[in-house]
Amino acid sequence: MSPPPRQLTLDWPHQPSYAREDFLEAPCNAAALGAILAWPNWPSRMLMLAGPSGAGKSHLGAIWARAAAARLVAGDRLADAPLAELARAPALLIEDADRVGGEEAALLHLLNLARESGADLLLTARAAPDGWGLKTADLLSRLRLAPIVSLGAPDPELIAAVLLKLFSDRQLVVDRAVVSYVALRLERSLDAARAIVAALDREALARGKPVTRAMAAELLRDEEAGG
């Protein structure tokens, strides 16, 4: 018997929403959300969010950047960044600051310029600065001045809530039992949740069928085999 025909699907980009109302609070991120919402009443002008990839740092950074009218620069793009111009902004978000690599001098210069201009600073990273392997003592000393708020990896309950939200955003009706099945077996990462929802959306369209547990199990097995 030949396999059922698959519909042609167009892989339209589906950008995640980083609006405040789309951030789902949970015990693993409540302290970080509270710190972001406390701005501009921070105890100092610099704050660092630290946590694993997919924990929600970028979402929180986007919430803060809108509220603070912040400029954005990535830690691994400092070599080409207009540092003096960035530092003149009222606020600055340095994403993935721990990926600074060989641009430690540029990061230190930017921090110094921002301090001189009085800009508020938010940095995101996977770990505290002592774990970045920095070679510049002055940079490490400066970064240690930033209060650190940690985010934990999302638990299965939060992953399930995120999956439901992502399916809803795509107008997909998926049984909660299927959502729970996926949440318990998925990598504890919001990025992984976005990826599996996108994959299930494509697969459901290609087959012309709703998302099922069997479909989810197949994609999860493929992902595990590919990893």
C-alpha atoms as a PDB file:
ATOM      1  CA  MET A   1       0.000   0.000   0.000  1.00  0.00           C
ATOM      2  CA  SER A   2       1.404   3.366  -0.976  1.00  0.00           C
ATOM      3  CA  PRO A   3       1.790   5.994   1.783  1.00  0.00           C
ATOM      4  CA  PRO A   4      -0.894   8.677   1.996  1.00  0.00           C
ATOM      5  CA  PRO A   5      -0.205  11.763  -0.106  1.00  0.00           C
ATOM      6  CA  ARG A   6       1.473  14.687   1.631  1.00  0.00           C
ATOM      7  CA  GLN A   7       0.340  18.221   1.039  1.00  0.00           C
ATOM      8  CA  LEU A   8       2.851  20.801  -0.109  1.00  0.00           C
ATOM      9  CA  THR A   9       3.635  23.088   2.819  1.00  0.00           C
ATOM     10  CA  LEU A  10       5.281  26.473   2.709  1.00  0.00           C
ATOM     11  CA  ASP A  11       7.670  27.120   5.603  1.00  0.00           C
ATOM     12  CA  TRP A  12       6.432  30.609   6.492  1.00  0.00           C
ATOM     13  CA  PRO A  13       8.490  32.234   9.258  1.00  0.00           C
ATOM     14  CA  HIS A  14       6.724  32.284  12.617  1.00  0.00           C
ATOM     15  CA  GLN A  15       8.444  34.697  14.943  1.00  0.00           C
ATOM     16  CA  PRO A  16       7.992  34.127  18.690  1.00  0.00           C
ATOM     17  CA  SER A  17       6.211  36.910  20.533  1.00  0.00           C
ATOM     18  CA  TYR A  18       8.280  38.580  23.234  1.00  0.00           C
ATOM     19  CA  ALA A  19       5.411  40.692  24.560  1.00  0.00           C
ATOM     20  CA  ARG A  20       4.948  40.947  28.314  1.00  0.00           C
ATOM     21  CA  GLU A  21       1.571  39.209  28.174  1.00  0.00           C
ATOM     22  CA  ASP A  22       3.163  36.211  26.452  1.00  0.00           C
ATOM     23  CA  PHE A  23       5.705  35.603  29.208  1.00  0.00           C
ATOM     24  CA  LEU A  24       4.491  32.752  31.423  1.00  0.00           C
ATOM     25  CA  GLU A  25       5.579  33.164  35.025  1.00  0.00           C
ATOM     26  CA  ALA A  26       6.716  30.089  36.933  1.00  0.00           C
ATOM     27  CA  PRO A  27       8.852  29.370  40.019  1.00  0.00           C
ATOM     28  CA  CYS A  28      11.942  28.992  37.820  1.00  0.00           C
ATOM     29  CA  ASN A  29      11.655  32.539  36.426  1.00  0.00           C
ATOM     30  CA  ALA A  30       9.581  34.502  38.950  1.00  0.00           C
ATOM     31  CA  ALA A  31      12.568  36.231  40.567  1.00  0.00           C
ATOM     32  CA  ALA A  32      13.957  37.294  37.192  1.00  0.00           C
ATOM     33  CA  LEU A  33      10.591  38.623  36.031  1.00  0.00           C
ATOM     34  CA  GLY A  34      10.232  40.559  39.276  1.00  0.00           C
ATOM     35  CA  ALA A  35      13.663  42.110  38.819  1.00  0.00           C
ATOM     36  CA  ILE A  36      12.873  43.173  35.258  1.00  0.00           C
ATOM     37  CA  LEU A  37       9.538  44.707  36.263  1.00  0.00           C
ATOM     38  CA  ALA A  38      11.216  46.538  39.159  1.00  0.00           C
ATOM     39  CA  TRP A  39      13.133  48.767  36.746  1.00  0.00           C
ATOM     40  CA  PRO A  40      13.829  51.704  36.973  1.00  0.00           C
ATOM     41  CA  ASN A  41      13.987  51.176  40.733  1.00  0.00           C
ATOM     42  CA  TRP A  42      17.028  48.894  40.586  1.00  0.00           C
ATOM     43  CA  PRO A  43      19.565  49.070  43.436  1.00  0.00           C
ATOM     44  CA  SER A  44      22.259  49.758  40.839  1.00  0.00           C
ATOM     45  CA  ARG A  45      22.360  50.686  37.160  1.00  0.00           C
ATOM     46  CA  MET A  46      23.501  47.224  36.098  1.00  0.00           C
ATOM     47  CA  LEU A  47      21.738  43.851  36.338  1.00  0.00           C
ATOM     48  CA  MET A  48      22.594  40.399  34.996  1.00  0.00           C
ATOM     49  CA  LEU A  49      20.213  37.567  34.123  1.00  0.00           C
ATOM     50  CA  ALA A  50      21.944  34.180  34.242  1.00  0.00           C
ATOM     51  CA  GLY A  51      20.457  30.857  33.221  1.00  0.00           C
ATOM     52  CA  PRO A  52      20.621  28.006  30.717  1.00  0.00           C
ATOM     53  CA  SER A  53      19.783  28.415  27.047  1.00  0.00           C
ATOM     54  CA  GLY A  54      16.029  28.420  26.498  1.00  0.00           C
ATOM     55  CA  ALA A  55      15.163  29.593  30.016  1.00  0.00           C
ATOM     56  CA  GLY A  56      13.556  32.861  28.872  1.00  0.00           C
ATOM     57  CA  LYS A  57      16.409  35.379  29.132  1.00  0.00           C
ATOM     58  CA  SER A  58      15.819  36.798  25.657  1.00  0.00           C
ATOM     59  CA  HIS A  59      12.108  37.246  26.342  1.00  0.00           C
ATOM     60  CA  LEU A  60      12.805  39.094  29.593  1.00  0.00           C
ATOM     61  CA  GLY A  61      15.467  41.156  27.868  1.00  0.00           C
ATOM     62  CA  ALA A  62      12.990  42.174  25.175  1.00  0.00           C
ATOM     63  CA  ILE A  63      10.396  43.170  27.796  1.00  0.00           C
ATOM     64  CA  TRP A  64      12.954  45.354  29.554  1.00  0.00           C
ATOM     65  CA  ALA A  65      14.367  46.811  26.341  1.00  0.00           C
ATOM     66  CA  ARG A  66      10.936  48.077  25.291  1.00  0.00           C
ATOM     67  CA  ALA A  67      10.243  49.582  28.707  1.00  0.00           C
ATOM     68  CA  ALA A  68      13.677  51.212  28.979  1.00  0.00           C
ATOM     69  CA  ALA A  69      14.043  52.247  25.309  1.00  0.00           C
ATOM     70  CA  ALA A  70      17.264  50.249  25.315  1.00  0.00           C
ATOM     71  CA  ARG A  71      19.706  49.631  22.486  1.00  0.00           C
ATOM     72  CA  LEU A  72      20.678  46.009  21.888  1.00  0.00           C
ATOM     73  CA  VAL A  73      24.031  44.408  21.144  1.00  0.00           C
ATOM     74  CA  ALA A  74      25.091  40.759  21.198  1.00  0.00           C
ATOM     75  CA  GLY A  75      28.198  39.751  23.100  1.00  0.00           C
ATOM     76  CA  ASP A  76      29.731  38.069  20.064  1.00  0.00           C
ATOM     77  CA  ARG A  77      29.166  41.123  17.807  1.00  0.00           C
ATOM     78  CA  LEU A  78      31.089  43.711  19.800  1.00  0.00           C
ATOM     79  CA  ALA A  79      33.976  43.831  17.336  1.00  0.00           C
ATOM     80  CA  ASP A  80      31.783  45.601  14.775  1.00  0.00           C
ATOM     81  CA  ALA A  81      29.525  47.499  17.188  1.00  0.00           C
ATOM     82  CA  PRO A  82      29.518  51.328  17.465  1.00  0.00           C
ATOM     83  CA  LEU A  83      30.436  51.328  21.151  1.00  0.00           C
ATOM     84  CA  ALA A  84      30.348  55.086  21.764  1.00  0.00           C
ATOM     85  CA  GLU A  85      26.949  55.373  20.072  1.00  0.00           C
ATOM     86  CA  LEU A  86      25.529  52.462  22.061  1.00  0.00           C
ATOM     87  CA  ALA A  87      26.742  53.925  25.334  1.00  0.00           C
ATOM     88  CA  ARG A  88      24.945  57.199  24.653  1.00  0.00           C
ATOM     89  CA  ALA A  89      21.566  55.433  24.752  1.00  0.00           C
ATOM     90  CA  PRO A  90      19.561  55.755  27.996  1.00  0.00           C
ATOM     91  CA  ALA A  91      19.721  51.982  28.418  1.00  0.00           C
ATOM     92  CA  LEU A  92      21.627  49.083  26.887  1.00  0.00           C
ATOM     93  CA  LEU A  93      20.924  45.365  26.645  1.00  0.00           C
ATOM     94  CA  ILE A  94      23.959  43.126  26.109  1.00  0.00           C
ATOM     95  CA  GLU A  95      22.653  39.701  25.143  1.00  0.00           C
ATOM     96  CA  ASP A  96      24.792  36.584  25.593  1.00  0.00           C
ATOM     97  CA  ALA A  97      27.526  38.638  27.176  1.00  0.00           C
ATOM     98  CA  ASP A  98      29.352  35.419  28.087  1.00  0.00           C
ATOM     99  CA  ARG A  99      29.962  34.807  24.364  1.00  0.00           C
ATOM    100  CA  VAL A 100      32.312  37.783  24.219  1.00  0.00           C
ATOM    101  CA  GLY A 101      35.226  35.572  23.113  1.00  0.00           C
ATOM    102  CA  GLY A 102      38.235  37.609  22.099  1.00  0.00           C
ATOM    103  CA  GLU A 103      36.452  40.944  22.459  1.00  0.00           C
ATOM    104  CA  GLU A 104      37.000  41.375  26.191  1.00  0.00           C
ATOM    105  CA  ALA A 105      38.604  44.785  25.680  1.00  0.00           C
ATOM    106  CA  ALA A 106      35.559  45.971  23.708  1.00  0.00           C
ATOM    107  CA  LEU A 107      33.169  44.791  26.410  1.00  0.00           C
ATOM    108  CA  LEU A 108      35.182  46.491  29.142  1.00  0.00           C
ATOM    109  CA  HIS A 109      35.292  49.700  27.100  1.00  0.00           C
ATOM    110  CA  LEU A 110      31.541  49.576  26.558  1.00  0.00           C
ATOM    111  CA  LEU A 111      30.870  49.036  30.262  1.00  0.00           C
ATOM    112  CA  ASN A 112      33.101  51.987  31.111  1.00  0.00           C
ATOM    113  CA  LEU A 113      31.408  54.230  28.551  1.00  0.00           C
ATOM    114  CA  ALA A 114      27.953  53.245  29.803  1.00  0.00           C
ATOM    115  CA  ARG A 115      28.928  53.970  33.389  1.00  0.00           C
ATOM    116  CA  GLU A 116      30.244  57.395  32.404  1.00  0.00           C
ATOM    117  CA  SER A 117      27.046  58.232  30.514  1.00  0.00           C
ATOM    118  CA  GLY A 118      24.762  56.926  33.272  1.00  0.00           C
ATOM    119  CA  ALA A 119      23.072  54.335  31.056  1.00  0.00           C
ATOM    120  CA  ASP A 120      21.173  51.453  32.626  1.00  0.00           C
ATOM    121  CA  LEU A 121      22.616  48.055  31.684  1.00  0.00           C
ATOM    122  CA  LEU A 122      21.057  44.610  31.442  1.00  0.00           C
ATOM    123  CA  LEU A 123      23.273  41.660  30.561  1.00  0.00           C
ATOM    124  CA  THR A 124      22.196  38.102  29.837  1.00  0.00           C
ATOM    125  CA  ALA A 125      24.474  35.080  30.141  1.00  0.00           C
ATOM    126  CA  ARG A 126      24.404  31.359  30.732  1.00  0.00           C
ATOM    127  CA  ALA A 127      26.409  31.625  33.958  1.00  0.00           C
ATOM    128  CA  ALA A 128      27.956  34.089  36.394  1.00  0.00           C
ATOM    129  CA  PRO A 129      31.054  35.938  35.089  1.00  0.00           C
ATOM    130  CA  ASP A 130      33.454  33.742  37.064  1.00  0.00           C
ATOM    131  CA  GLY A 131      32.443  30.884  34.765  1.00  0.00           C
ATOM    132  CA  TRP A 132      33.118  32.715  31.492  1.00  0.00           C
ATOM    133  CA  GLY A 133      36.865  32.016  31.389  1.00  0.00           C
ATOM    134  CA  LEU A 134      37.716  35.714  31.207  1.00  0.00           C
ATOM    135  CA  LYS A 135      41.376  36.742  30.963  1.00  0.00           C
ATOM    136  CA  THR A 136      40.905  40.448  31.714  1.00  0.00           C
ATOM    137  CA  ALA A 137      40.926  41.024  35.460  1.00  0.00           C
ATOM    138  CA  ASP A 138      39.436  44.515  35.209  1.00  0.00           C
ATOM    139  CA  LEU A 139      36.519  43.198  33.148  1.00  0.00           C
ATOM    140  CA  LEU A 140      35.802  40.403  35.602  1.00  0.00           C
ATOM    141  CA  SER A 141      35.960  42.882  38.475  1.00  0.00           C
ATOM    142  CA  ARG A 142      33.517  45.213  36.723  1.00  0.00           C
ATOM    143  CA  LEU A 143      31.090  42.423  35.896  1.00  0.00           C
ATOM    144  CA  ARG A 144      31.141  41.168  39.471  1.00  0.00           C
ATOM    145  CA  LEU A 145      29.526  44.465  40.479  1.00  0.00           C
ATOM    146  CA  ALA A 146      26.312  43.510  38.697  1.00  0.00           C
ATOM    147  CA  PRO A 147      23.645  41.869  40.859  1.00  0.00           C
ATOM    148  CA  ILE A 148      22.806  38.472  39.362  1.00  0.00           C
ATOM    149  CA  VAL A 149      19.287  37.051  39.116  1.00  0.00           C
ATOM    150  CA  SER A 150      19.198  33.397  38.101  1.00  0.00           C
ATOM    151  CA  LEU A 151      16.664  31.556  35.979  1.00  0.00           C
ATOM    152  CA  GLY A 152      16.252  27.806  36.219  1.00  0.00           C
ATOM    153  CA  ALA A 153      15.497  25.452  33.359  1.00  0.00           C
ATOM    154  CA  PRO A 154      11.730  25.286  32.694  1.00  0.00           C
ATOM    155  CA  ASP A 155       9.970  22.426  34.482  1.00  0.00           C
ATOM    156  CA  PRO A 156       7.511  20.131  32.621  1.00  0.00           C
ATOM    157  CA  GLU A 157       4.533  22.171  33.867  1.00  0.00           C
ATOM    158  CA  LEU A 158       5.917  25.362  32.355  1.00  0.00           C
ATOM    159  CA  ILE A 159       6.893  23.545  29.154  1.00  0.00           C
ATOM    160  CA  ALA A 160       3.319  22.246  28.884  1.00  0.00           C
ATOM    161  CA  ALA A 161       1.893  25.746  29.373  1.00  0.00           C
ATOM    162  CA  VAL A 162       4.253  27.134  26.745  1.00  0.00           C
ATOM    163  CA  LEU A 163       3.319  24.358  24.315  1.00  0.00           C
ATOM    164  CA  LEU A 164      -0.383  25.130  24.762  1.00  0.00           C
ATOM    165  CA  LYS A 165       0.287  28.824  24.122  1.00  0.00           C
ATOM    166  CA  LEU A 166       2.372  28.098  21.020  1.00  0.00           C
ATOM    167  CA  PHE A 167      -0.215  25.713  19.589  1.00  0.00           C
ATOM    168  CA  SER A 168      -2.900  28.307  20.239  1.00  0.00           C
ATOM    169  CA  ASP A 169      -0.836  30.989  18.489  1.00  0.00           C
ATOM    170  CA  ARG A 170      -0.785  28.759  15.414  1.00  0.00           C
ATOM    171  CA  GLN A 171      -4.519  28.018  15.741  1.00  0.00           C
ATOM    172  CA  LEU A 172      -3.798  24.336  16.356  1.00  0.00           C
ATOM    173  CA  VAL A 173      -6.203  22.416  18.577  1.00  0.00           C
ATOM    174  CA  VAL A 174      -4.158  19.735  20.341  1.00  0.00           C
ATOM    175  CA  ASP A 175      -5.395  17.383  23.035  1.00  0.00           C
ATOM    176  CA  ARG A 176      -3.942  18.160  26.456  1.00  0.00           C
ATOM    177  CA  ALA A 177      -2.852  14.533  26.804  1.00  0.00           C
ATOM    178  CA  VAL A 178      -0.663  15.006  23.736  1.00  0.00           C
ATOM    179  CA  VAL A 179       0.747  18.233  25.180  1.00  0.00           C
ATOM    180  CA  SER A 180       1.561  16.501  28.473  1.00  0.00           C
ATOM    181  CA  TYR A 181       3.191  13.617  26.594  1.00  0.00           C
ATOM    182  CA  VAL A 182       5.463  15.999  24.695  1.00  0.00           C
ATOM    183  CA  ALA A 183       6.271  18.148  27.745  1.00  0.00           C
ATOM    184  CA  LEU A 184       7.526  15.151  29.721  1.00  0.00           C
ATOM    185  CA  ARG A 185       9.846  14.009  26.934  1.00  0.00           C
ATOM    186  CA  LEU A 186      11.097  17.299  25.548  1.00  0.00           C
ATOM    187  CA  GLU A 187      14.365  18.977  26.394  1.00  0.00           C
ATOM    188  CA  ARG A 188      13.734  21.482  29.204  1.00  0.00           C
ATOM    189  CA  SER A 189      14.069  24.508  26.964  1.00  0.00           C
ATOM    190  CA  LEU A 190      11.635  27.072  25.592  1.00  0.00           C
ATOM    191  CA  ASP A 191      13.575  26.969  22.319  1.00  0.00           C
ATOM    192  CA  ALA A 192      12.940  23.224  22.127  1.00  0.00           C
ATOM    193  CA  ALA A 193       9.233  23.842  22.736  1.00  0.00           C
ATOM    194  CA  ARG A 194       9.095  26.330  19.849  1.00  0.00           C
ATOM    195  CA  ALA A 195      10.956  23.910  17.590  1.00  0.00           C
ATOM    196  CA  ILE A 196       8.677  20.913  18.258  1.00  0.00           C
ATOM    197  CA  VAL A 197       5.514  22.989  17.810  1.00  0.00           C
ATOM    198  CA  ALA A 198       6.800  24.288  14.479  1.00  0.00           C
ATOM    199  CA  ALA A 199       7.695  20.743  13.406  1.00  0.00           C
ATOM    200  CA  LEU A 200       4.307  19.369  14.434  1.00  0.00           C
ATOM    201  CA  ASP A 201       2.550  22.213  12.629  1.00  0.00           C
ATOM    202  CA  ARG A 202       4.434  21.409   9.417  1.00  0.00           C
ATOM    203  CA  GLU A 203       3.831  17.677   9.786  1.00  0.00           C
ATOM    204  CA  ALA A 204       0.108  18.097  10.456  1.00  0.00           C
ATOM    205  CA  LEU A 205      -0.242  20.310   7.393  1.00  0.00           C
ATOM    206  CA  ALA A 206       1.744  17.901   5.231  1.00  0.00           C
ATOM    207  CA  ARG A 207      -0.391  14.929   6.284  1.00  0.00           C
ATOM    208  CA  GLY A 208      -3.640  16.855   6.341  1.00  0.00           C
ATOM    209  CA  LYS A 209      -4.322  15.484   9.808  1.00  0.00           C
ATOM    210  CA  PRO A 210      -4.490  16.882  13.362  1.00  0.00           C
ATOM    211  CA  VAL A 211      -1.545  16.600  15.728  1.00  0.00           C
ATOM    212  CA  THR A 212      -1.646  13.257  17.518  1.00  0.00           C
ATOM    213  CA  ARG A 213       0.415  11.489  20.148  1.00  0.00           C
ATOM    214  CA  ALA A 214       1.720   9.069  17.514  1.00  0.00           C
ATOM    215  CA  MET A 215       2.833  11.975  15.327  1.00  0.00           C
ATOM    216  CA  ALA A 216       4.539  13.650  18.281  1.00  0.00           C
ATOM    217  CA  ALA A 217       6.247  10.401  19.286  1.00  0.00           C
ATOM    218  CA  GLU A 218       7.569   9.956  15.755  1.00  0.00           C
ATOM    219  CA  LEU A 219       9.027  13.455  15.606  1.00  0.00           C
ATOM    220  CA  LEU A 220      10.544  13.138  19.068  1.00  0.00           C
ATOM    221  CA  ARG A 221      12.191   9.851  18.048  1.00  0.00           C
ATOM    222  CA  ASP A 222      13.531  11.471  14.886  1.00  0.00           C
ATOM    223  CA  GLU A 223      14.878  14.386  16.917  1.00  0.00           C
ATOM    224  CA  GLU A 224      16.566  12.040  19.387  1.00  0.00           C
ATOM    225  CA  ALA A 225      18.082   9.997  16.564  1.00  0.00           C
ATOM    226  CA  GLY A 226      19.310  13.140  14.836  1.00  0.00           C
ATOM    227  CA  GLY A 227      20.813  14.514  18.047  1.00  0.00           C
END
